[in-house]
């Protein structure tokens, strides 16, 4: 699937996360400039939905590659969470 709009990315991301059975209430712990941050997975996903289209396209490509290799999607989300950690 080619992502051409934020709307199509959000639809794809919602479907992808549902198919993976991710619980948006799962807690991620990431290190930020002020120390450890604790946030639900859903917060990270909402931040991803608010990213610009170019970033969304990059995230889409990375998630597809991780999934193809049976990698850990949540590990990637935790990596992205560092960008919003305080």
N, C-alpha and C. Protein backbone atom coordinates (compact mmCIF):
# COMPACT_ATOMS: atom_id res chain seq x y z
N UNK A 1 0.85 -1.19 0.00
CA UNK A 1 0.00 0.00 0.00
C UNK A 1 0.88 1.24 0.00
N UNK A 2 0.53 2.19 -0.83
CA UNK A 2 1.24 3.45 -0.87
C UNK A 2 0.45 4.48 -0.07
N UNK A 3 1.15 5.16 0.82
CA UNK A 3 0.52 6.19 1.64
C UNK A 3 0.56 7.51 0.87
N UNK A 4 -0.62 8.07 0.61
CA UNK A 4 -0.69 9.31 -0.15
C UNK A 4 -1.32 10.46 0.63
N UNK A 5 -1.87 10.14 1.80
CA UNK A 5 -2.47 11.18 2.62
C UNK A 5 -2.43 10.76 4.08
N UNK A 6 -2.55 11.74 4.95
CA UNK A 6 -2.58 11.45 6.37
C UNK A 6 -3.78 10.57 6.70
N UNK A 7 -4.89 10.81 6.05
CA UNK A 7 -6.10 10.01 6.30
C UNK A 7 -5.85 8.54 5.97
N UNK A 8 -5.22 8.26 4.83
CA UNK A 8 -4.97 6.87 4.48
C UNK A 8 -3.95 6.24 5.44
N UNK A 9 -2.97 7.03 5.90
CA UNK A 9 -2.01 6.51 6.87
C UNK A 9 -2.70 6.16 8.18
N UNK A 10 -3.56 7.03 8.67
CA UNK A 10 -4.25 6.78 9.94
C UNK A 10 -5.12 5.53 9.83
N UNK A 11 -5.83 5.38 8.72
CA UNK A 11 -6.64 4.17 8.51
C UNK A 11 -5.75 2.94 8.50
N UNK A 12 -4.64 3.01 7.79
CA UNK A 12 -3.72 1.88 7.73
C UNK A 12 -3.15 1.57 9.12
N UNK A 13 -2.73 2.60 9.85
CA UNK A 13 -2.13 2.41 11.17
C UNK A 13 -3.13 1.78 12.14
N UNK A 14 -4.37 2.25 12.12
CA UNK A 14 -5.41 1.66 12.98
C UNK A 14 -5.60 0.18 12.67
N UNK A 15 -5.67 -0.15 11.39
CA UNK A 15 -5.85 -1.54 10.99
C UNK A 15 -4.63 -2.37 11.37
N UNK A 16 -3.45 -1.85 11.11
CA UNK A 16 -2.20 -2.54 11.43
C UNK A 16 -2.12 -2.87 12.92
N UNK A 17 -2.37 -1.88 13.77
CA UNK A 17 -2.30 -2.09 15.22
C UNK A 17 -3.36 -3.08 15.69
N UNK A 18 -4.55 -3.01 15.11
CA UNK A 18 -5.61 -3.95 15.49
C UNK A 18 -5.23 -5.37 15.08
N UNK A 19 -4.68 -5.53 13.88
CA UNK A 19 -4.28 -6.85 13.42
C UNK A 19 -3.15 -7.44 14.28
N UNK A 20 -2.31 -6.58 14.81
CA UNK A 20 -1.21 -7.02 15.68
C UNK A 20 -1.69 -7.28 17.11
N UNK A 21 -2.93 -6.89 17.40
CA UNK A 21 -3.48 -7.11 18.72
C UNK A 21 -2.84 -6.25 19.80
N UNK A 22 -2.36 -5.08 19.41
CA UNK A 22 -1.71 -4.20 20.37
C UNK A 22 -2.73 -3.57 21.31
N UNK A 23 -2.37 -3.51 22.57
CA UNK A 23 -3.22 -2.88 23.59
C UNK A 23 -2.72 -1.46 23.79
N UNK A 24 -3.53 -0.48 23.45
CA UNK A 24 -3.12 0.92 23.53
C UNK A 24 -2.91 1.38 24.96
N UNK A 25 -3.32 0.56 25.92
CA UNK A 25 -3.12 0.89 27.33
C UNK A 25 -1.80 0.33 27.87
N UNK A 26 -1.10 -0.48 27.06
CA UNK A 26 0.21 -0.98 27.50
C UNK A 26 1.13 0.19 27.78
N UNK A 27 1.94 0.04 28.80
CA UNK A 27 2.81 1.13 29.26
C UNK A 27 4.21 0.99 28.67
N UNK A 28 4.73 2.10 28.17
CA UNK A 28 6.10 2.18 27.70
C UNK A 28 6.90 3.03 28.68
N UNK A 29 8.11 2.61 28.99
CA UNK A 29 9.02 3.39 29.82
C UNK A 29 10.21 3.76 28.97
N UNK A 30 10.42 5.06 28.79
CA UNK A 30 11.54 5.55 27.99
C UNK A 30 12.27 6.66 28.73
N UNK A 31 13.54 6.76 28.43
CA UNK A 31 14.37 7.79 29.05
C UNK A 31 14.23 9.09 28.25
N UNK A 32 13.95 10.17 28.96
CA UNK A 32 13.89 11.49 28.37
C UNK A 32 14.92 12.39 29.01
N UNK A 33 15.00 13.64 28.59
CA UNK A 33 15.98 14.57 29.16
C UNK A 33 15.82 14.78 30.67
N UNK A 34 14.61 14.62 31.17
CA UNK A 34 14.35 14.83 32.60
C UNK A 34 14.26 13.53 33.39
N UNK A 35 14.54 12.40 32.75
CA UNK A 35 14.47 11.12 33.44
C UNK A 35 13.51 10.17 32.75
N UNK A 36 13.10 9.15 33.49
CA UNK A 36 12.22 8.12 32.94
C UNK A 36 10.82 8.68 32.71
N UNK A 37 10.29 8.41 31.55
CA UNK A 37 8.91 8.79 31.20
C UNK A 37 8.09 7.52 31.08
N UNK A 38 6.89 7.56 31.62
CA UNK A 38 5.97 6.43 31.53
C UNK A 38 4.74 6.90 30.78
N UNK A 39 4.44 6.21 29.67
CA UNK A 39 3.29 6.63 28.87
C UNK A 39 2.62 5.43 28.24
N UNK A 40 1.31 5.50 28.04
CA UNK A 40 0.62 4.42 27.34
C UNK A 40 1.01 4.39 25.87
N UNK A 41 0.99 3.22 25.28
CA UNK A 41 1.28 3.06 23.87
C UNK A 41 0.37 3.95 23.03
N UNK A 42 -0.87 4.13 23.44
CA UNK A 42 -1.82 4.96 22.70
C UNK A 42 -1.37 6.40 22.54
N UNK A 43 -0.63 6.92 23.52
CA UNK A 43 -0.12 8.29 23.43
C UNK A 43 0.88 8.39 22.29
N UNK A 44 1.74 7.40 22.18
CA UNK A 44 2.74 7.39 21.11
C UNK A 44 2.06 7.28 19.75
N UNK A 45 1.07 6.43 19.66
CA UNK A 45 0.36 6.25 18.39
C UNK A 45 -0.38 7.53 18.00
N UNK A 46 -0.97 8.21 18.95
CA UNK A 46 -1.63 9.49 18.64
C UNK A 46 -0.61 10.53 18.16
N UNK A 47 0.58 10.53 18.75
CA UNK A 47 1.64 11.46 18.29
C UNK A 47 2.05 11.12 16.87
N UNK A 48 2.13 9.85 16.56
CA UNK A 48 2.47 9.42 15.19
C UNK A 48 1.40 9.90 14.22
N UNK A 49 0.15 9.80 14.60
CA UNK A 49 -0.95 10.26 13.74
C UNK A 49 -0.88 11.76 13.49
N UNK A 50 -0.27 12.50 14.41
CA UNK A 50 -0.15 13.95 14.26
C UNK A 50 1.11 14.39 13.54
N UNK A 51 1.95 13.44 13.16
CA UNK A 51 3.19 13.77 12.46
C UNK A 51 2.88 14.22 11.03
N UNK A 52 3.86 14.87 10.42
CA UNK A 52 3.67 15.30 9.03
C UNK A 52 3.68 14.07 8.11
N UNK A 53 3.17 14.25 6.91
CA UNK A 53 3.01 13.13 5.98
C UNK A 53 4.34 12.46 5.65
N UNK A 54 5.40 13.22 5.49
CA UNK A 54 6.70 12.62 5.17
C UNK A 54 7.16 11.71 6.30
N UNK A 55 6.98 12.14 7.54
CA UNK A 55 7.34 11.29 8.67
C UNK A 55 6.44 10.06 8.73
N UNK A 56 5.15 10.24 8.46
CA UNK A 56 4.23 9.11 8.45
C UNK A 56 4.64 8.08 7.40
N UNK A 57 5.06 8.55 6.24
CA UNK A 57 5.49 7.64 5.19
C UNK A 57 6.73 6.85 5.62
N UNK A 58 7.63 7.50 6.31
CA UNK A 58 8.82 6.83 6.81
C UNK A 58 8.47 5.80 7.88
N UNK A 59 7.58 6.17 8.77
CA UNK A 59 7.12 5.26 9.82
C UNK A 59 6.42 4.06 9.20
N UNK A 60 5.59 4.30 8.20
CA UNK A 60 4.91 3.21 7.49
C UNK A 60 5.92 2.23 6.91
N UNK A 61 6.90 2.75 6.22
CA UNK A 61 7.92 1.90 5.60
C UNK A 61 8.66 1.08 6.67
N UNK A 62 9.01 1.71 7.77
CA UNK A 62 9.73 1.01 8.83
C UNK A 62 8.86 -0.07 9.47
N UNK A 63 7.60 0.25 9.76
CA UNK A 63 6.71 -0.74 10.36
C UNK A 63 6.50 -1.94 9.44
N UNK A 64 6.35 -1.69 8.15
CA UNK A 64 6.18 -2.78 7.19
C UNK A 64 7.44 -3.66 7.18
N UNK A 65 8.62 -3.04 7.20
CA UNK A 65 9.87 -3.81 7.20
C UNK A 65 10.02 -4.62 8.48
N UNK A 66 9.70 -4.02 9.62
CA UNK A 66 9.78 -4.74 10.90
C UNK A 66 8.81 -5.92 10.89
N UNK A 67 7.60 -5.68 10.43
CA UNK A 67 6.58 -6.73 10.39
C UNK A 67 7.01 -7.86 9.45
N UNK A 68 7.57 -7.51 8.31
CA UNK A 68 8.02 -8.51 7.34
C UNK A 68 9.07 -9.44 7.95
N UNK A 69 9.90 -8.87 8.82
CA UNK A 69 10.97 -9.65 9.47
C UNK A 69 10.53 -10.24 10.81
N UNK A 70 9.22 -10.15 11.09
CA UNK A 70 8.67 -10.64 12.37
C UNK A 70 9.36 -9.99 13.56
N UNK A 71 9.68 -8.71 13.41
CA UNK A 71 10.34 -7.97 14.48
C UNK A 71 9.35 -7.48 15.52
N UNK A 72 9.90 -6.78 16.50
CA UNK A 72 9.12 -6.28 17.64
C UNK A 72 8.62 -4.87 17.33
N UNK A 73 7.35 -4.77 17.00
CA UNK A 73 6.73 -3.48 16.68
C UNK A 73 6.77 -2.55 17.88
N UNK A 74 6.51 -3.08 19.06
CA UNK A 74 6.46 -2.25 20.27
C UNK A 74 7.83 -1.65 20.56
N UNK A 75 8.89 -2.38 20.25
CA UNK A 75 10.24 -1.84 20.43
C UNK A 75 10.43 -0.58 19.58
N UNK A 76 9.92 -0.62 18.34
CA UNK A 76 10.00 0.56 17.47
C UNK A 76 9.16 1.70 18.03
N UNK A 77 7.96 1.39 18.53
CA UNK A 77 7.13 2.43 19.14
C UNK A 77 7.83 3.04 20.35
N UNK A 78 8.53 2.22 21.14
CA UNK A 78 9.28 2.74 22.29
C UNK A 78 10.39 3.67 21.81
N UNK A 79 11.02 3.32 20.70
CA UNK A 79 12.05 4.19 20.11
C UNK A 79 11.44 5.54 19.73
N UNK A 80 10.28 5.50 19.09
CA UNK A 80 9.61 6.75 18.70
C UNK A 80 9.16 7.55 19.91
N UNK A 81 8.82 6.86 21.00
CA UNK A 81 8.37 7.54 22.21
C UNK A 81 9.44 8.46 22.78
N UNK A 82 10.70 8.16 22.51
CA UNK A 82 11.80 9.01 23.01
C UNK A 82 11.69 10.42 22.45
N UNK A 83 11.08 10.57 21.28
CA UNK A 83 10.94 11.89 20.66
C UNK A 83 9.96 12.78 21.42
N UNK A 84 9.03 12.18 22.16
CA UNK A 84 8.05 12.99 22.90
C UNK A 84 8.27 12.93 24.40
N UNK A 85 9.32 12.20 24.80
CA UNK A 85 9.62 12.09 26.23
C UNK A 85 10.17 13.41 26.76
N UNK A 86 9.83 13.71 28.01
CA UNK A 86 10.32 14.93 28.66
C UNK A 86 11.49 14.63 29.55
